Amino acid sequence: NPQRVGITVPADSSPSVGSIEKSIEMWYMDWGPEDRWGTEFENMKISVTQRGQPSPEAFLRGLKDHIAEGRSILGDLKRLSHSPYHEQGNSGGASVLIAKIHDLVLFVALQVKFLEVELD
């Protein structure tokens, strides 16, 4: 079972961009460009079927856990986007932060949605 790789922060604080980026790096399935994800997903299913490891049930559970982890990271990004801007050393200020959050949200949401559709 994959473990939660997102970050845990107290309810009254926000995660940092850097910590969220590290969580995404650990979470993301690197299947190359988005137009190859369907092929890569099918290859993964075939591999699981041929090897029998993990069991199909465990494979589905793992995917559901991966989706839940992605949703948790999206929650971290939402908390960050609603927090006061105060990171040091970020040239460009809040506009750079907004653009970075936007890119990270898209990056995570695309994979979460892809897997949700595949599991339906």
Protein backbone atom coordinates (compact mmCIF):
# COMPACT_ATOMS: atom_id res chain seq x y z
CA ASN A 1 0.00 0.00 0.00
CA PRO A 2 1.33 3.42 -0.89
CA GLN A 3 1.78 5.67 2.09
CA ARG A 4 0.52 9.24 2.23
CA VAL A 5 3.30 11.29 0.73
CA GLY A 6 1.54 14.62 1.06
CA ILE A 7 2.49 16.85 3.90
CA THR A 8 0.67 17.23 7.14
CA VAL A 9 0.42 20.69 8.58
CA PRO A 10 -1.48 22.09 11.53
CA ALA A 11 -4.90 23.45 10.59
CA ASP A 12 -3.79 27.02 11.28
CA SER A 13 -0.74 26.91 8.96
CA SER A 14 -0.09 26.40 5.26
CA PRO A 15 2.33 24.11 3.50
CA SER A 16 5.13 25.67 1.49
CA VAL A 17 5.43 25.45 -2.28
CA GLY A 18 8.68 23.51 -1.89
CA SER A 19 7.18 20.89 0.42
CA ILE A 20 4.20 20.42 -1.92
CA GLU A 21 6.53 20.07 -4.91
CA LYS A 22 8.43 17.33 -3.06
CA SER A 23 5.15 15.57 -2.25
CA ILE A 24 4.13 15.70 -5.90
CA GLU A 25 7.51 14.39 -7.02
CA MET A 26 7.09 11.37 -4.72
CA TRP A 27 3.42 10.87 -5.67
CA TYR A 28 3.41 11.34 -9.45
CA MET A 29 3.44 8.33 -11.78
CA ASP A 30 5.88 9.28 -14.50
CA TRP A 31 4.23 7.87 -17.59
CA GLY A 32 5.65 10.47 -19.94
CA PRO A 33 3.45 12.80 -21.97
CA GLU A 34 -0.27 12.78 -21.22
CA ASP A 35 -1.13 11.23 -24.59
CA ARG A 36 0.74 8.05 -23.51
CA TRP A 37 -1.01 7.59 -20.16
CA GLY A 38 -3.69 5.30 -21.57
CA THR A 39 -1.06 2.99 -23.06
CA GLU A 40 1.04 3.05 -19.90
CA PHE A 41 -2.02 2.30 -17.76
CA GLU A 42 -2.95 -0.65 -19.99
CA ASN A 43 0.63 -1.94 -19.81
CA MET A 44 0.50 -1.73 -16.02
CA LYS A 45 -2.79 -3.69 -15.95
CA ILE A 46 -1.37 -6.35 -18.27
CA SER A 47 1.75 -6.64 -16.12
CA VAL A 48 -0.34 -7.08 -12.97
CA THR A 49 -2.51 -9.70 -14.69
CA GLN A 50 0.48 -11.66 -16.01
CA ARG A 51 2.48 -11.56 -12.76
CA GLY A 52 -0.48 -11.94 -10.44
CA GLN A 53 1.27 -9.51 -8.09
CA PRO A 54 -0.25 -7.50 -6.65
CA SER A 55 -3.67 -9.10 -6.78
CA PRO A 56 -6.22 -7.24 -8.91
CA GLU A 57 -7.96 -6.14 -5.72
CA ALA A 58 -4.73 -4.79 -4.24
CA PHE A 59 -3.95 -3.07 -7.54
CA LEU A 60 -7.33 -1.30 -7.50
CA ARG A 61 -6.89 -0.38 -3.84
CA GLY A 62 -3.48 1.06 -4.65
CA LEU A 63 -4.94 3.17 -7.45
CA LYS A 64 -7.72 4.41 -5.18
CA ASP A 65 -5.12 5.28 -2.54
CA HIS A 66 -3.08 7.11 -5.18
CA ILE A 67 -6.16 9.12 -6.17
CA ALA A 68 -6.86 9.95 -2.51
CA GLU A 69 -3.23 11.08 -2.06
CA GLY A 70 -3.55 13.29 -5.14
CA ARG A 71 -6.72 14.82 -3.76
CA SER A 72 -4.92 15.47 -0.47
CA ILE A 73 -2.13 17.26 -2.34
CA LEU A 74 -4.79 19.33 -4.13
CA GLY A 75 -6.13 20.22 -0.67
CA ASP A 76 -2.62 21.31 0.36
CA LEU A 77 -2.46 23.52 -2.74
CA LYS A 78 -5.86 25.00 -1.92
CA ARG A 79 -4.73 25.81 1.63
CA LEU A 80 -1.58 27.39 0.23
CA SER A 81 -3.56 29.48 -2.25
CA HIS A 82 -5.76 30.81 0.56
CA SER A 83 -2.88 31.66 2.88
CA PRO A 84 -1.17 35.03 3.13
CA TYR A 85 1.84 35.30 0.84
CA HIS A 86 4.99 35.34 2.91
CA GLU A 87 7.67 33.15 1.33
CA GLN A 88 11.11 34.69 1.33
CA GLY A 89 13.36 34.81 -1.69
CA ASN A 90 10.65 34.44 -4.31
CA SER A 91 11.42 36.98 -7.00
CA GLY A 92 8.26 38.11 -8.73
CA GLY A 93 6.20 37.95 -5.58
CA ALA A 94 2.63 36.80 -5.37
CA SER A 95 2.05 36.63 -9.14
CA VAL A 96 4.82 34.03 -9.48
CA LEU A 97 3.32 32.08 -6.58
CA ILE A 98 -0.14 32.15 -8.16
CA ALA A 99 1.24 30.90 -11.48
CA LYS A 100 3.19 28.12 -9.74
CA ILE A 101 0.13 26.99 -7.74
CA HIS A 102 -1.93 26.99 -10.95
CA ASP A 103 0.65 24.80 -12.72
CA LEU A 104 0.88 22.38 -9.79
CA VAL A 105 -2.92 22.08 -9.52
CA LEU A 106 -3.17 21.22 -13.22
CA PHE A 107 -0.29 18.77 -12.98
CA VAL A 108 -1.89 16.82 -10.10
CA ALA A 109 -5.53 17.19 -11.18
CA LEU A 110 -4.84 15.75 -14.64
CA GLN A 111 -3.46 12.51 -13.24
CA VAL A 112 -6.15 12.25 -10.55
CA LYS A 113 -8.92 12.72 -13.14
CA PHE A 114 -7.30 10.32 -15.61
CA LEU A 115 -7.21 7.56 -12.98
CA GLU A 116 -10.74 8.29 -11.79
CA VAL A 117 -12.02 7.90 -15.36
CA GLU A 118 -10.02 4.69 -15.86
CA LEU A 119 -11.51 3.20 -12.68
CA ASP A 120 -15.12 4.01 -13.61
